[in-house]
Protein backbone atom coordinates (compact mmCIF):
# COMPACT_ATOMS: atom_id res chain seq x y z
CA MET A 1 7.69 3.25 -11.28
CA ILE A 2 5.34 5.81 -9.97
CA ILE A 3 6.60 6.65 -5.93
CA GLU A 4 4.63 8.58 -4.59
CA ILE A 5 4.85 10.76 -0.97
CA TYR A 6 1.92 12.44 0.61
CA PRO A 7 0.71 13.22 4.17
CA GLU A 8 -1.62 10.50 5.49
CA THR A 9 -4.41 12.47 6.89
CA GLY A 10 -7.15 9.53 7.17
CA LYS A 11 -7.64 6.79 10.02
CA LYS A 12 -4.57 4.99 11.13
CA ILE A 13 -3.98 1.64 10.58
CA THR A 14 -1.25 0.82 13.30
CA GLU A 15 -1.09 2.44 17.00
CA SER A 16 2.48 2.71 17.28
CA ARG A 17 4.27 4.16 13.77
CA VAL A 18 7.51 5.98 13.36
CA GLU A 19 6.47 8.65 11.16
CA ARG A 20 2.46 9.33 11.41
CA THR A 21 2.81 12.08 8.40
CA ILE A 22 3.64 10.34 5.51
CA ARG A 23 2.87 7.54 3.58
CA LEU A 24 4.75 5.92 0.69
CA GLY A 25 2.41 4.27 -2.33
CA PHE A 26 3.26 2.43 -5.19
CA LYS A 27 2.00 1.32 -8.42
CA VAL A 28 2.30 -1.86 -9.66
CA GLU A 29 1.23 -4.06 -12.76
CA SER A 30 -0.22 -7.10 -10.46
CA LEU A 31 -1.52 -6.46 -6.57
CA ALA A 32 -1.87 -10.27 -6.35
CA ALA A 33 1.57 -11.05 -7.28
CA THR A 34 3.37 -8.05 -6.08
CA LEU A 35 1.48 -9.48 -2.33
CA GLU A 36 2.70 -13.10 -2.37
CA SER A 37 6.05 -11.67 -3.00
CA LEU A 38 5.84 -9.84 -0.25
CA GLU A 39 4.30 -12.22 1.87
CA GLU A 40 6.74 -14.72 1.28
CA LEU A 41 9.30 -12.26 2.82
CA GLY A 42 7.55 -12.25 5.80
CA VAL A 43 6.06 -8.48 4.99
CA THR A 44 2.78 -8.10 7.02
CA ILE A 45 -0.30 -7.06 5.51
CA LEU A 46 -2.37 -4.13 7.20
CA LYS A 47 -5.25 -4.03 4.83
CA SER A 48 -6.25 -6.71 2.34
CA PRO A 49 -6.67 -5.65 -0.99
CA SER A 50 -9.95 -3.55 -1.45
CA THR A 51 -11.57 -2.01 -4.89
CA THR A 52 -11.34 2.07 -4.61
CA GLN A 53 -11.22 4.68 -6.57
CA TRP A 54 -7.61 4.71 -8.05
CA GLY A 55 -7.51 0.71 -8.15
CA LEU A 56 -7.39 -2.22 -6.32
CA LEU A 57 -5.31 -1.12 -3.35
CA ALA A 58 -3.92 -2.78 -0.10
CA VAL A 59 -2.12 -1.46 2.65
CA ILE A 60 1.53 -3.19 4.28
CA LEU A 61 4.10 -2.56 7.26
CA ASP A 62 7.82 -1.70 6.22
CA PRO A 63 10.48 -2.41 8.52
CA ASP A 64 11.04 1.11 9.91
CA GLY A 65 6.81 0.49 11.08
CA ARG A 66 5.71 2.89 7.80
CA GLU A 67 2.27 2.31 6.27
CA VAL A 68 3.73 1.81 2.45
CA GLU A 69 0.16 1.56 0.03
CA ILE A 70 0.42 -1.02 -3.01
CA ASN A 71 -1.78 -0.17 -5.68
CA GLU A 72 -2.71 -1.46 -8.97
CA PRO A 73 -4.86 1.05 -10.80
CA GLU A 74 -7.75 -0.10 -12.47
CA ILE A 75 -7.52 -0.02 -16.62
CA LYS A 76 -10.03 1.98 -18.25
CA LYS A 77 -11.41 0.99 -21.18
CA GLU A 78 -11.88 3.33 -24.36
């Protein structure tokens, strides 16, 4: 597992946040399975999965009001 902590300088998805300068990011093997599990727990999905330069990416809201990035890296074929 990789845990990333970095400044979030892009457009804000939420209007009111506990911390506006940090976004946590987690890499997972299956974004679909992870989001399904999180939805069953009642987690709010702020940004549906989309393809980015880092692979599939979605953003959820944690219980403290922080954005959390969930990423399924693209598998590079050799």
